[in-house]
Amino acid sequence: MTTPNGPAYRRIATEEAFAPPEILDRYRDLLRDGGGDRGFQSLWGFYLGSTAERPRWVVDRLADLGVKRIADMDAHGIDHQVISLTCPGTQLFGTAEATALARHVNDVAAQAVRDHPERFTALAAVALQDPTAAAAELDRAVTQLGMRGVILNSHMQGRYLDDREFWPVLEAAEALGVPVYLHPNTPPDSMIEPLYEAGLDGAIYGFAVETAMHVLRIMSAGLFDHFPRLRLVIGHLGEGLPFWIPRIDFFHHAQVLSGRYPAMKAVELRPSDYLRRNVWFTTSGMAWTPAVMFVRDVVGADRVLYAMDYPYQCVADEVRELDALPVPPSELAAFYETTAVELFGLHH
């Protein structure tokens, strides 16, 4: 906010979900027909099937890119949202449908940005089922629709970005100079069972397990050697990875030397070096001062930026907590605004 009595910067929230009604309707169809994996059935069976107040409110706000969302932003002091398609996005549909839906999602998001340019910026959705078409859609979204990055909702039906089949999308992102936001997904059927049976498969822990593993797969596969200028954004303060840096570095080095795993080959840098060179960390859902300060300390303050995780986690107290971070005003301005402006190429 730039009011006489407020801070001289905008609060830009960078992991803010939406879902056009058409996507939600297709999710309902899949639930009715028993489609999708177990994680989808668990997550969206809850949000679209529960009569409790919070899930009903979340679904209502996901579909709104106008009055209600902007009113919520105003109530919480959020000046600008970087909006992106909620998980699992289009990644559980057939190829043709997923490709068409991604294009529709991008057209909807682009219209919202045109309607409210001061309030919204959008990340592109793509259908990884056809990586060549996905790269073309990302190019259209950036060069024609003005989108400032791409949202990938983590695994593609149990397959990960270390699979070279998906690399055309990453090549396109690097060439276009836009970041890839790697958003969590519920774990695939091959890993979900012990999490699901304990009620831990979603945001409480399963998201972090799934996405942290995905990032480690990316690094150990040498993806950042192949795409050294690729910028990856992860939420929730890095899904725990910053805390594990010494152990990850130690055992990655040891396992490469031992030849224990055929898939784990030598790469140019340590995992922690890639975290500090290629990865940015948002605070979505983790507005906790000790954790924010720790991540800033270990990866660099210029790598940590604000996100709310709207509408799933929308709490005014979290904004007040981060307003009080023990940092100089210039660093708070970077945390809330200028890092996001530079990372996503936003307009000042």
Protein backbone atom coordinates (compact mmCIF):
# COMPACT_ATOMS: atom_id res chain seq x y z
CA MET A 1 0.00 0.00 0.00
CA THR A 2 1.20 3.50 -0.69
CA THR A 3 -1.01 5.50 1.64
CA PRO A 4 0.24 8.41 3.76
CA ASN A 5 0.12 6.23 6.87
CA GLY A 6 1.04 2.90 5.31
CA PRO A 7 4.20 1.32 3.93
CA ALA A 8 5.60 2.74 0.73
CA TYR A 9 5.36 -0.54 -1.18
CA ARG A 10 2.73 -2.94 -2.45
CA ARG A 11 2.06 -6.24 -0.76
CA ILE A 12 2.24 -8.66 -3.69
CA ALA A 13 0.99 -12.20 -2.99
CA THR A 14 2.53 -14.72 -5.36
CA GLU A 15 0.83 -18.13 -4.85
CA GLU A 16 -2.84 -17.30 -5.17
CA ALA A 17 -5.08 -19.97 -6.64
CA PHE A 18 -8.08 -19.81 -8.93
CA ALA A 19 -10.16 -22.31 -10.88
CA PRO A 20 -12.64 -21.40 -13.62
CA PRO A 21 -16.07 -23.00 -13.13
CA GLU A 22 -15.40 -25.31 -16.09
CA ILE A 23 -12.45 -26.87 -14.25
CA LEU A 24 -14.46 -27.32 -11.07
CA ASP A 25 -17.28 -28.92 -13.06
CA ARG A 26 -14.83 -31.38 -14.63
CA TYR A 27 -13.46 -32.19 -11.18
CA ARG A 28 -17.03 -32.96 -10.09
CA ASP A 29 -17.46 -35.22 -13.10
CA LEU A 30 -14.27 -37.11 -12.26
CA LEU A 31 -15.32 -37.55 -8.65
CA ARG A 32 -18.71 -38.86 -9.72
CA ASP A 33 -17.11 -41.31 -12.14
CA GLY A 34 -14.34 -42.44 -9.77
CA GLY A 35 -11.64 -40.82 -11.92
CA GLY A 36 -8.33 -39.32 -10.92
CA ASP A 37 -5.89 -40.81 -8.46
CA ARG A 38 -6.44 -41.38 -4.76
CA GLY A 39 -4.99 -38.02 -3.83
CA PHE A 40 -7.40 -36.23 -6.15
CA GLN A 41 -10.33 -38.17 -4.73
CA SER A 42 -9.22 -37.26 -1.21
CA LEU A 43 -8.52 -33.56 -1.81
CA TRP A 44 -11.32 -32.65 -4.18
CA GLY A 45 -13.80 -35.08 -2.71
CA PHE A 46 -13.44 -32.95 0.41
CA TYR A 47 -13.56 -29.50 -1.17
CA LEU A 48 -16.39 -30.26 -3.58
CA GLY A 49 -18.30 -32.67 -1.35
CA SER A 50 -18.13 -31.15 2.11
CA THR A 51 -20.93 -28.99 3.47
CA ALA A 52 -18.63 -27.36 6.05
CA GLU A 53 -18.20 -23.60 5.84
CA ARG A 54 -14.48 -23.37 4.99
CA PRO A 55 -14.39 -25.71 1.95
CA ARG A 56 -17.55 -24.11 0.56
CA TRP A 57 -15.98 -20.67 0.96
CA VAL A 58 -12.75 -21.84 -0.69
CA VAL A 59 -14.55 -23.24 -3.74
CA ASP A 60 -16.61 -20.06 -4.09
CA ARG A 61 -13.50 -17.88 -3.99
CA LEU A 62 -11.51 -20.10 -6.37
CA ALA A 63 -14.01 -19.35 -9.10
CA ASP A 64 -14.12 -15.60 -8.43
CA LEU A 65 -11.70 -13.26 -10.18
CA GLY A 66 -13.60 -10.10 -9.39
CA VAL A 67 -15.56 -8.46 -6.61
CA LYS A 68 -15.27 -11.08 -3.85
CA ARG A 69 -11.57 -11.76 -4.37
CA ILE A 70 -10.68 -8.08 -4.53
CA ALA A 71 -12.74 -7.41 -1.39
CA ASP A 72 -10.79 -10.14 0.42
CA MET A 73 -7.52 -8.64 -0.80
CA ASP A 74 -8.53 -5.20 0.46
CA ALA A 75 -9.58 -6.64 3.82
CA HIS A 76 -6.16 -8.27 4.26
CA GLY A 77 -4.01 -5.47 2.88
CA ILE A 78 -3.03 -7.34 -0.30
CA ASP A 79 -2.45 -4.98 -3.19
CA HIS A 80 -1.70 -7.46 -5.98
CA GLN A 81 -2.07 -11.19 -6.60
CA VAL A 82 -0.10 -13.43 -8.93
CA ILE A 83 -2.88 -15.87 -9.79
CA SER A 84 -2.41 -19.44 -10.97
CA LEU A 85 -4.55 -22.50 -11.64
CA THR A 86 -5.13 -24.58 -8.53
CA CYS A 87 -3.74 -28.10 -8.22
CA PRO A 88 -3.89 -30.57 -9.84
CA GLY A 89 -4.74 -28.23 -12.69
CA THR A 90 -5.21 -30.00 -16.00
CA GLN A 91 -2.66 -32.70 -15.21
CA LEU A 92 -5.13 -35.53 -14.59
CA PHE A 93 -7.11 -35.29 -17.86
CA GLY A 94 -6.56 -36.87 -21.24
CA THR A 95 -4.22 -35.08 -23.63
CA ALA A 96 -6.73 -33.36 -25.90
CA GLU A 97 -8.99 -32.22 -23.08
CA ALA A 98 -6.10 -31.06 -20.92
CA THR A 99 -4.63 -29.03 -23.77
CA ALA A 100 -7.98 -27.35 -24.49
CA LEU A 101 -8.64 -26.68 -20.81
CA ALA A 102 -5.21 -25.09 -20.31
CA ARG A 103 -5.88 -22.73 -23.20
CA HIS A 104 -9.28 -21.83 -21.74
CA VAL A 105 -7.81 -21.24 -18.29
CA ASN A 106 -5.24 -18.89 -19.77
CA ASP A 107 -7.87 -16.94 -21.67
CA VAL A 108 -9.93 -16.57 -18.47
CA ALA A 109 -6.92 -15.44 -16.45
CA ALA A 110 -5.82 -13.00 -19.14
CA GLN A 111 -9.26 -11.42 -19.14
CA ALA A 112 -9.13 -11.02 -15.35
CA VAL A 113 -5.79 -9.25 -15.71
CA ARG A 114 -7.20 -6.98 -18.40
CA ASP A 115 -10.19 -6.21 -16.18
CA HIS A 116 -8.06 -5.52 -13.09
CA PRO A 117 -4.48 -4.78 -14.21
CA GLU A 118 -3.55 -3.13 -10.93
CA ARG A 119 -4.70 -6.14 -8.92
CA PHE A 120 -3.74 -9.26 -10.88
CA THR A 121 -0.89 -10.85 -12.81
CA ALA A 122 -1.29 -14.40 -14.12
CA LEU A 123 0.84 -17.49 -14.55
CA ALA A 124 0.10 -19.74 -17.50
CA ALA A 125 -1.40 -23.19 -17.24
CA VAL A 126 -0.12 -25.87 -19.60
CA ALA A 127 -0.91 -29.52 -20.27
CA LEU A 128 2.21 -31.62 -19.69
CA GLN A 129 0.50 -34.56 -21.40
CA ASP A 130 1.76 -33.06 -24.68
CA PRO A 131 5.01 -31.21 -23.87
CA THR A 132 5.41 -29.76 -27.37
CA ALA A 133 1.91 -28.31 -27.32
CA ALA A 134 2.50 -27.15 -23.72
CA ALA A 135 5.60 -25.24 -24.78
CA ALA A 136 3.63 -23.62 -27.60
CA GLU A 137 0.83 -22.66 -25.22
CA LEU A 138 3.34 -21.17 -22.79
CA ASP A 139 4.76 -19.10 -25.64
CA ARG A 140 1.25 -17.90 -26.55
CA ALA A 141 0.43 -17.10 -22.93
CA VAL A 142 3.59 -15.05 -22.43
CA THR A 143 3.98 -13.34 -25.79
CA GLN A 144 0.30 -12.77 -26.62
CA LEU A 145 -1.52 -12.77 -23.28
CA GLY A 146 1.16 -11.12 -21.15
CA MET A 147 1.51 -13.88 -18.56
CA ARG A 148 4.60 -13.80 -16.38
CA GLY A 149 5.41 -17.44 -15.69
CA VAL A 150 4.00 -20.95 -15.72
CA ILE A 151 2.35 -22.99 -12.99
CA LEU A 152 3.17 -26.71 -12.91
CA ASN A 153 1.16 -28.61 -10.36
CA SER A 154 4.00 -30.98 -9.56
CA HIS A 155 3.78 -34.59 -10.74
CA MET A 156 2.13 -35.57 -14.00
CA GLN A 157 0.15 -38.70 -13.06
CA GLY A 158 3.14 -39.98 -11.10
CA ARG A 159 5.83 -38.71 -13.48
CA TYR A 160 8.25 -35.91 -12.66
CA LEU A 161 10.13 -33.14 -14.41
CA ASP A 162 13.38 -35.08 -14.34
CA ASP A 163 11.78 -37.07 -17.20
CA ARG A 164 13.29 -35.50 -20.32
CA GLU A 165 10.00 -35.83 -22.16
CA PHE A 166 8.80 -32.75 -20.24
CA TRP A 167 11.88 -30.65 -20.87
CA PRO A 168 10.48 -28.73 -23.87
CA VAL A 169 8.31 -26.82 -21.39
CA LEU A 170 11.31 -25.95 -19.25
CA GLU A 171 13.30 -25.00 -22.32
CA ALA A 172 10.49 -22.66 -23.34
CA ALA A 173 10.33 -21.09 -19.88
CA GLU A 174 14.08 -20.48 -19.84
CA ALA A 175 14.03 -19.04 -23.37
CA LEU A 176 11.08 -16.76 -22.56
CA GLY A 177 12.77 -15.64 -19.34
CA VAL A 178 9.81 -16.55 -17.13
CA PRO A 179 9.86 -18.59 -13.92
CA VAL A 180 8.29 -21.98 -13.29
CA TYR A 181 6.17 -22.15 -10.15
CA LEU A 182 6.22 -25.75 -8.92
CA HIS A 183 3.09 -26.08 -6.83
CA PRO A 184 2.43 -29.15 -4.67
CA ASN A 185 0.08 -31.92 -5.59
CA THR A 186 -1.20 -34.78 -3.51
CA PRO A 187 1.23 -37.71 -3.73
CA PRO A 188 0.59 -40.22 -6.53
CA ASP A 189 -0.84 -43.62 -5.80
CA SER A 190 2.66 -45.09 -5.69
CA MET A 191 3.50 -43.15 -2.49
CA ILE A 192 0.27 -41.92 -0.90
CA GLU A 193 -0.96 -44.85 1.19
CA PRO A 194 0.83 -44.32 4.55
CA LEU A 195 0.08 -40.59 4.32
CA TYR A 196 -3.55 -41.11 3.35
CA GLU A 197 -4.34 -43.62 6.07
CA ALA A 198 -3.12 -41.13 8.70
CA GLY A 199 -4.90 -38.12 7.17
CA LEU A 200 -1.57 -36.57 6.15
CA ASP A 201 -1.84 -36.67 2.36
CA GLY A 202 -2.72 -33.01 1.75
CA ALA A 203 -1.43 -29.61 2.81
CA ILE A 204 -0.67 -30.68 6.36
CA TYR A 205 2.35 -32.75 5.20
CA GLY A 206 1.82 -34.79 2.02
CA PHE A 207 2.20 -31.72 -0.20
CA ALA A 208 5.60 -30.97 1.30
CA VAL A 209 6.81 -34.58 1.03
CA GLU A 210 5.75 -34.82 -2.60
CA THR A 211 7.11 -31.48 -3.76
CA ALA A 212 10.38 -31.57 -1.82
CA MET A 213 11.07 -34.97 -3.36
CA HIS A 214 10.24 -33.54 -6.80
CA VAL A 215 12.75 -30.71 -6.36
CA LEU A 216 15.45 -33.16 -5.26
CA ARG A 217 14.75 -35.32 -8.32
CA ILE A 218 15.13 -32.25 -10.52
CA MET A 219 18.47 -31.30 -8.99
CA SER A 220 19.95 -34.79 -8.90
CA ALA A 221 18.95 -35.38 -12.54
CA GLY A 222 21.13 -32.46 -13.65
CA LEU A 223 18.18 -30.44 -14.90
CA PHE A 224 19.73 -27.18 -13.68
CA ASP A 225 22.99 -28.03 -15.45
CA HIS A 226 21.01 -28.35 -18.67
CA PHE A 227 18.95 -25.21 -17.96
CA PRO A 228 21.26 -23.04 -15.84
CA ARG A 229 19.11 -19.91 -16.26
CA LEU A 230 15.86 -21.65 -15.33
CA ARG A 231 14.15 -20.03 -12.35
CA LEU A 232 12.07 -22.33 -10.16
CA VAL A 233 9.70 -21.00 -7.50
CA ILE A 234 8.49 -23.20 -4.65
CA GLY A 235 6.11 -22.30 -1.86
CA HIS A 236 5.72 -22.99 1.83
CA LEU A 237 9.29 -21.77 2.47
CA GLY A 238 10.78 -24.51 0.36
CA GLU A 239 8.79 -27.51 1.61
CA GLY A 240 11.39 -28.07 4.35
CA LEU A 241 14.39 -28.30 2.02
CA PRO A 242 16.34 -25.33 3.46
CA PHE A 243 16.40 -27.04 6.86
CA TRP A 244 17.87 -30.23 5.32
CA ILE A 245 20.67 -28.60 3.32
CA PRO A 246 23.73 -30.08 5.11
CA ARG A 247 22.34 -33.60 5.14
CA ILE A 248 21.20 -33.47 1.52
CA ASP A 249 24.61 -32.20 0.38
CA PHE A 250 26.49 -34.81 2.41
CA PHE A 251 24.53 -37.83 1.24
CA HIS A 252 24.17 -36.67 -2.35
CA HIS A 253 27.98 -36.46 -2.55
CA ALA A 254 28.43 -39.81 -0.78
CA GLN A 255 25.92 -41.62 -3.00
CA VAL A 256 27.39 -40.24 -6.22
CA LEU A 257 30.86 -41.41 -5.16
CA SER A 258 29.60 -44.86 -4.16
CA GLY A 259 27.65 -45.45 -7.36
CA ARG A 260 24.88 -46.82 -5.19
CA TYR A 261 22.03 -45.67 -7.44
CA PRO A 262 22.23 -45.76 -11.24
CA ALA A 263 19.92 -42.74 -11.43
CA MET A 264 22.13 -40.56 -9.23
CA LYS A 265 24.94 -39.26 -11.42
CA ALA A 266 27.46 -36.51 -10.72
CA VAL A 267 26.16 -32.98 -11.31
CA GLU A 268 28.08 -29.72 -11.55
CA LEU A 269 27.11 -28.25 -8.17
CA ARG A 270 25.92 -29.28 -4.73
CA PRO A 271 22.13 -29.45 -4.22
CA SER A 272 22.39 -26.43 -1.92
CA ASP A 273 24.09 -24.45 -4.68
CA TYR A 274 21.14 -25.04 -6.98
CA LEU A 275 18.76 -24.00 -4.21
CA ARG A 276 20.64 -20.71 -3.95
CA ARG A 277 21.10 -20.19 -7.72
CA ASN A 278 17.95 -21.47 -9.40
CA VAL A 279 15.24 -21.51 -6.73
CA TRP A 280 13.11 -18.82 -5.10
CA PHE A 281 11.03 -19.45 -1.98
CA THR A 282 7.63 -18.00 -1.14
CA THR A 283 6.05 -17.88 2.29
CA SER A 284 2.67 -19.30 1.25
CA GLY A 285 1.00 -20.82 4.29
CA MET A 286 4.14 -20.29 6.41
CA ALA A 287 3.78 -16.82 7.90
CA TRP A 288 5.96 -17.73 10.86
CA THR A 289 8.75 -15.34 11.73
CA PRO A 290 11.37 -17.89 12.95
CA ALA A 291 11.02 -19.97 9.76
CA VAL A 292 11.00 -16.94 7.45
CA MET A 293 14.14 -15.55 9.05
CA PHE A 294 15.88 -18.94 8.92
CA VAL A 295 15.20 -19.42 5.21
CA ARG A 296 16.32 -15.87 4.47
CA ASP A 297 19.54 -16.62 6.34
CA VAL A 298 20.39 -19.89 4.59
CA VAL A 299 19.37 -19.18 0.97
CA GLY A 300 19.60 -15.37 0.90
CA ALA A 301 17.05 -12.67 1.67
CA ASP A 302 16.78 -11.90 -2.05
CA ARG A 303 15.36 -15.42 -2.62
CA VAL A 304 12.43 -15.17 -0.21
CA LEU A 305 9.19 -13.40 -1.11
CA TYR A 306 5.65 -13.13 0.09
CA ALA A 307 2.68 -15.34 -0.78
CA MET A 308 -0.57 -15.88 1.10
CA ASP A 309 -1.90 -19.15 -0.43
CA TYR A 310 -5.33 -17.66 -1.07
CA PRO A 311 -8.01 -18.86 -0.76
CA TYR A 312 -6.88 -22.00 1.04
CA GLN A 313 -5.07 -20.12 3.79
CA CYS A 314 -6.41 -16.61 4.16
CA VAL A 315 -5.72 -15.19 7.60
CA ALA A 316 -5.29 -11.50 8.40
CA ASP A 317 -3.05 -12.28 11.39
CA GLU A 318 -0.47 -13.79 9.02
CA VAL A 319 -0.09 -10.49 7.18
CA ARG A 320 0.32 -8.65 10.48
CA GLU A 321 2.96 -11.19 11.56
CA LEU A 322 5.01 -10.63 8.42
CA ASP A 323 4.59 -6.86 8.60
CA ALA A 324 6.49 -7.13 11.88
CA LEU A 325 9.49 -9.10 10.53
CA PRO A 326 12.67 -7.87 12.26
CA VAL A 327 14.22 -6.44 9.09
CA PRO A 328 14.88 -2.90 7.84
CA PRO A 329 12.11 -1.20 5.83
CA SER A 330 14.08 -1.61 2.61
CA GLU A 331 14.24 -5.39 3.10
CA LEU A 332 10.54 -5.55 3.95
CA ALA A 333 9.84 -3.68 0.72
CA ALA A 334 11.92 -6.26 -1.17
CA PHE A 335 10.15 -9.14 0.58
CA TYR A 336 6.69 -7.83 -0.28
CA GLU A 337 7.24 -6.14 -3.62
CA THR A 338 10.53 -5.66 -5.42
CA THR A 339 11.70 -9.29 -5.40
CA ALA A 340 8.38 -10.32 -6.97
CA VAL A 341 8.59 -7.47 -9.47
CA GLU A 342 12.03 -8.64 -10.58
CA LEU A 343 11.30 -12.38 -10.51
CA PHE A 344 8.03 -12.24 -12.43
CA GLY A 345 8.78 -9.15 -14.48
CA LEU A 346 5.84 -7.24 -13.03
CA HIS A 347 5.02 -3.64 -13.75
CA HIS A 348 5.95 -1.19 -11.02
